[in-house]
Amino acid sequence: MQQAKRKDIFYRARCHLSLLDNRNMDKGYKFSDLPETYIIFFCDFDIKNEGKPIYFGGNSFYDGERIDDGAHSVYVNCKYEGRSNDIGKLIHDMKSKIGEKKCYNVFSKQERKGDYQMSDFWERVRKETRKEVYKEAEEQARKKYEEKEKESIITMLKNGLDISLISDISKKSTSEILAIKSDNCL
């Protein structure tokens, strides 16, 4: 849930989309194989002040023609009050208090179980998302470190450094160094 009306929300959408793209790609991956990606921001404000329940974003040419690159951003206006469509009903249920009539049974069932209020739900979503993003960032950093470390070992091997010296410098076992040497035909 985006609560503060910040000028950088579109940059945040771009950042999240790029993180998803990066997560879906491995070395040698064809760009055309990227899946359709959607980032959905539930905003506690009307992002365009037009009173619509939902706005769609994406890349476009300066003349306004949409670029079909598979990246989509969706901004849900949680200030929207209408209940004449599905998104309006969803927003109503998200904002309603325990005991208030819901449009969708899934929210009523959770209330009857005493699971949580919607504000608790969104707080948990935020916390879990934050944990996942940090975990993903740590994993990406670890992979990049390992790649750089491997590149350094390959450079040392190409420059003729002794395997035991490389092992001392890199803190890798001699068998790991020999495996890197073999894998790279050195």
Protein backbone atom coordinates (compact mmCIF):
# COMPACT_ATOMS: atom_id res chain seq x y z
CA MET A 1 0.00 0.00 0.00
CA GLN A 2 1.47 3.31 -1.10
CA GLN A 3 0.30 5.68 1.61
CA ALA A 4 2.30 8.83 1.01
CA LYS A 5 1.76 10.77 -2.21
CA ARG A 6 5.36 10.82 -3.39
CA LYS A 7 6.69 12.22 -6.63
CA ASP A 8 8.94 9.19 -7.11
CA ILE A 9 6.18 6.57 -7.35
CA PHE A 10 6.79 6.07 -11.08
CA TYR A 11 10.49 5.55 -10.42
CA ARG A 12 9.55 3.02 -7.75
CA ALA A 13 7.40 1.17 -10.29
CA ARG A 14 10.31 1.17 -12.74
CA CYS A 15 12.65 -0.15 -10.04
CA HIS A 16 10.28 -2.96 -9.07
CA LEU A 17 9.73 -3.93 -12.70
CA SER A 18 13.49 -4.06 -13.31
CA LEU A 19 13.96 -6.23 -10.20
CA LEU A 20 11.37 -8.66 -11.53
CA ASP A 21 13.01 -8.70 -14.96
CA ASN A 22 16.41 -9.29 -13.41
CA ARG A 23 14.97 -12.11 -11.31
CA ASN A 24 13.54 -13.78 -14.42
CA MET A 25 16.79 -13.69 -16.42
CA ASP A 26 19.88 -15.82 -16.38
CA LYS A 27 23.08 -15.37 -18.35
CA GLY A 28 22.44 -16.00 -22.04
CA TYR A 29 18.69 -15.46 -21.63
CA LYS A 30 16.81 -14.12 -24.67
CA PHE A 31 15.15 -10.80 -23.91
CA SER A 32 12.13 -11.85 -25.96
CA ASP A 33 11.54 -14.68 -23.45
CA LEU A 34 10.82 -12.26 -20.61
CA PRO A 35 7.34 -12.90 -19.20
CA GLU A 36 4.61 -10.28 -19.00
CA THR A 37 5.23 -8.40 -15.75
CA TYR A 38 2.76 -6.43 -13.66
CA ILE A 39 3.49 -4.18 -10.70
CA ILE A 40 0.36 -3.21 -8.78
CA PHE A 41 0.42 -0.23 -6.42
CA PHE A 42 -2.50 0.16 -4.05
CA CYS A 43 -2.41 3.92 -3.45
CA ASP A 44 -4.14 5.65 -0.57
CA PHE A 45 -4.66 8.59 -2.93
CA ASP A 46 -5.84 9.26 -6.50
CA ILE A 47 -2.59 9.29 -8.48
CA LYS A 48 -4.03 11.35 -11.37
CA ASN A 49 -6.86 13.15 -9.53
CA GLU A 50 -9.35 11.93 -12.13
CA GLY A 51 -11.63 9.94 -9.83
CA LYS A 52 -11.02 6.64 -11.62
CA PRO A 53 -10.63 3.42 -9.64
CA ILE A 54 -7.57 2.22 -11.53
CA TYR A 55 -4.87 3.60 -13.83
CA PHE A 56 -2.58 1.67 -16.13
CA GLY A 57 0.98 2.68 -16.91
CA GLY A 58 3.73 1.47 -19.15
CA ASN A 59 6.30 2.58 -21.64
CA SER A 60 5.24 4.66 -24.63
CA PHE A 61 6.72 6.73 -27.41
CA TYR A 62 6.61 10.50 -27.02
CA ASP A 63 3.64 10.63 -29.38
CA GLY A 64 1.70 8.48 -26.89
CA GLU A 65 1.78 5.18 -28.78
CA ARG A 66 2.20 2.30 -26.33
CA ILE A 67 5.40 0.24 -26.48
CA ASP A 68 4.50 -3.42 -26.06
CA ASP A 69 7.47 -4.57 -23.98
CA GLY A 70 5.49 -6.76 -21.57
CA ALA A 71 6.04 -4.40 -18.60
CA HIS A 72 2.92 -3.01 -16.97
CA SER A 73 2.28 -0.88 -13.92
CA VAL A 74 -1.14 -0.63 -12.34
CA TYR A 75 -2.15 2.02 -9.82
CA VAL A 76 -5.26 1.30 -7.74
CA ASN A 77 -6.96 4.41 -6.32
CA CYS A 78 -8.03 3.32 -2.83
CA LYS A 79 -9.86 6.64 -2.37
CA TYR A 80 -12.35 5.47 -5.00
CA GLU A 81 -15.85 5.21 -3.49
CA GLY A 82 -17.89 3.51 -6.23
CA ARG A 83 -19.05 -0.10 -5.95
CA SER A 84 -20.44 -0.47 -9.46
CA ASN A 85 -17.50 -2.56 -10.69
CA ASP A 86 -15.19 -5.30 -9.39
CA ILE A 87 -12.29 -2.99 -8.54
CA GLY A 88 -14.62 -0.64 -6.64
CA LYS A 89 -15.97 -3.60 -4.66
CA LEU A 90 -12.43 -4.80 -3.89
CA ILE A 91 -11.41 -1.33 -2.69
CA HIS A 92 -14.56 -1.14 -0.54
CA ASP A 93 -13.76 -4.49 1.10
CA MET A 94 -10.13 -3.55 1.67
CA LYS A 95 -11.12 -0.35 3.46
CA SER A 96 -14.09 -1.67 5.41
CA LYS A 97 -13.97 -2.40 9.12
CA ILE A 98 -14.65 -5.73 10.76
CA GLY A 99 -18.36 -6.37 10.86
CA GLU A 100 -19.21 -4.14 7.90
CA LYS A 101 -20.90 -5.77 4.93
CA LYS A 102 -18.42 -7.02 2.34
CA CYS A 103 -18.86 -7.45 -1.40
CA TYR A 104 -16.65 -10.57 -1.57
CA ASN A 105 -17.00 -13.61 0.69
CA VAL A 106 -13.26 -14.18 1.03
CA PHE A 107 -12.93 -11.13 3.28
CA SER A 108 -16.03 -12.05 5.32
CA LYS A 109 -14.75 -15.61 5.88
CA GLN A 110 -11.43 -14.31 7.18
CA GLU A 111 -13.26 -11.95 9.54
CA ARG A 112 -15.43 -14.77 10.89
CA LYS A 113 -12.25 -16.70 11.65
CA GLY A 114 -10.99 -13.61 13.45
CA ASP A 115 -7.85 -13.62 11.31
CA TYR A 116 -7.27 -9.90 10.88
CA GLN A 117 -8.49 -6.52 9.81
CA MET A 118 -7.58 -5.38 6.31
CA SER A 119 -5.10 -2.85 7.70
CA ASP A 120 -3.35 -5.74 9.46
CA PHE A 121 -3.40 -7.65 6.19
CA TRP A 122 -1.70 -4.84 4.26
CA GLU A 123 0.84 -4.39 7.03
CA ARG A 124 1.70 -8.08 6.76
CA VAL A 125 1.89 -7.81 2.96
CA ARG A 126 4.32 -4.88 3.32
CA LYS A 127 6.49 -6.75 5.82
CA GLU A 128 6.58 -9.96 3.75
CA THR A 129 7.32 -8.03 0.56
CA ARG A 130 10.11 -6.14 2.28
CA LYS A 131 11.61 -9.42 3.57
CA GLU A 132 11.39 -10.95 0.10
CA VAL A 133 13.01 -7.93 -1.56
CA TYR A 134 15.86 -7.92 0.98
CA LYS A 135 16.31 -11.68 0.59
CA GLU A 136 16.38 -11.31 -3.20
CA ALA A 137 18.86 -8.42 -2.99
CA GLU A 138 21.12 -10.47 -0.72
CA GLU A 139 20.97 -13.40 -3.14
CA GLN A 140 21.79 -11.18 -6.11
CA ALA A 141 24.68 -9.60 -4.22
CA ARG A 142 25.98 -13.03 -3.25
CA LYS A 143 25.81 -14.24 -6.87
CA LYS A 144 27.58 -11.13 -8.15
CA TYR A 145 30.28 -11.55 -5.50
CA GLU A 146 30.77 -15.19 -6.51
CA GLU A 147 30.97 -14.23 -10.20
CA LYS A 148 33.58 -11.53 -9.48
CA GLU A 149 35.50 -13.93 -7.27
CA LYS A 150 35.49 -16.55 -10.04
CA GLU A 151 36.64 -13.93 -12.59
CA SER A 152 39.52 -12.99 -10.27
CA ILE A 153 40.54 -16.63 -9.89
CA ILE A 154 40.46 -17.09 -13.69
CA THR A 155 42.61 -13.97 -14.12
CA MET A 156 45.13 -15.29 -11.58
CA LEU A 157 45.20 -18.67 -13.32
CA LYS A 158 45.74 -17.02 -16.72
CA ASN A 159 48.60 -14.99 -15.23
CA GLY A 160 50.27 -18.20 -14.06
CA LEU A 161 49.89 -17.82 -10.30
CA ASP A 162 50.44 -20.96 -8.27
CA ILE A 163 47.22 -22.77 -7.28
CA SER A 164 48.17 -22.84 -3.57
CA LEU A 165 48.77 -19.07 -3.68
CA ILE A 166 45.38 -18.52 -5.39
CA SER A 167 43.81 -20.73 -2.72
CA ASP A 168 45.39 -18.60 0.04
CA ILE A 169 44.25 -15.34 -1.57
CA SER A 170 40.70 -16.44 -2.42
CA LYS A 171 40.11 -18.67 0.63
CA LYS A 172 38.95 -21.39 -1.78
CA SER A 173 40.20 -24.95 -1.56
CA THR A 174 42.69 -26.18 -4.14
CA SER A 175 40.03 -28.59 -5.45
CA GLU A 176 37.67 -25.64 -6.04
CA ILE A 177 40.46 -23.77 -7.87
CA LEU A 178 41.21 -26.86 -10.00
CA ALA A 179 37.50 -27.21 -10.84
CA ILE A 180 37.36 -23.58 -12.00
CA LYS A 181 40.54 -24.19 -14.03
CA SER A 182 39.04 -27.29 -15.63
CA ASP A 183 35.62 -25.69 -16.29
CA ASN A 184 37.31 -22.83 -18.13
CA CYS A 185 39.78 -24.98 -20.10
CA LEU A 186 42.81 -23.31 -18.55
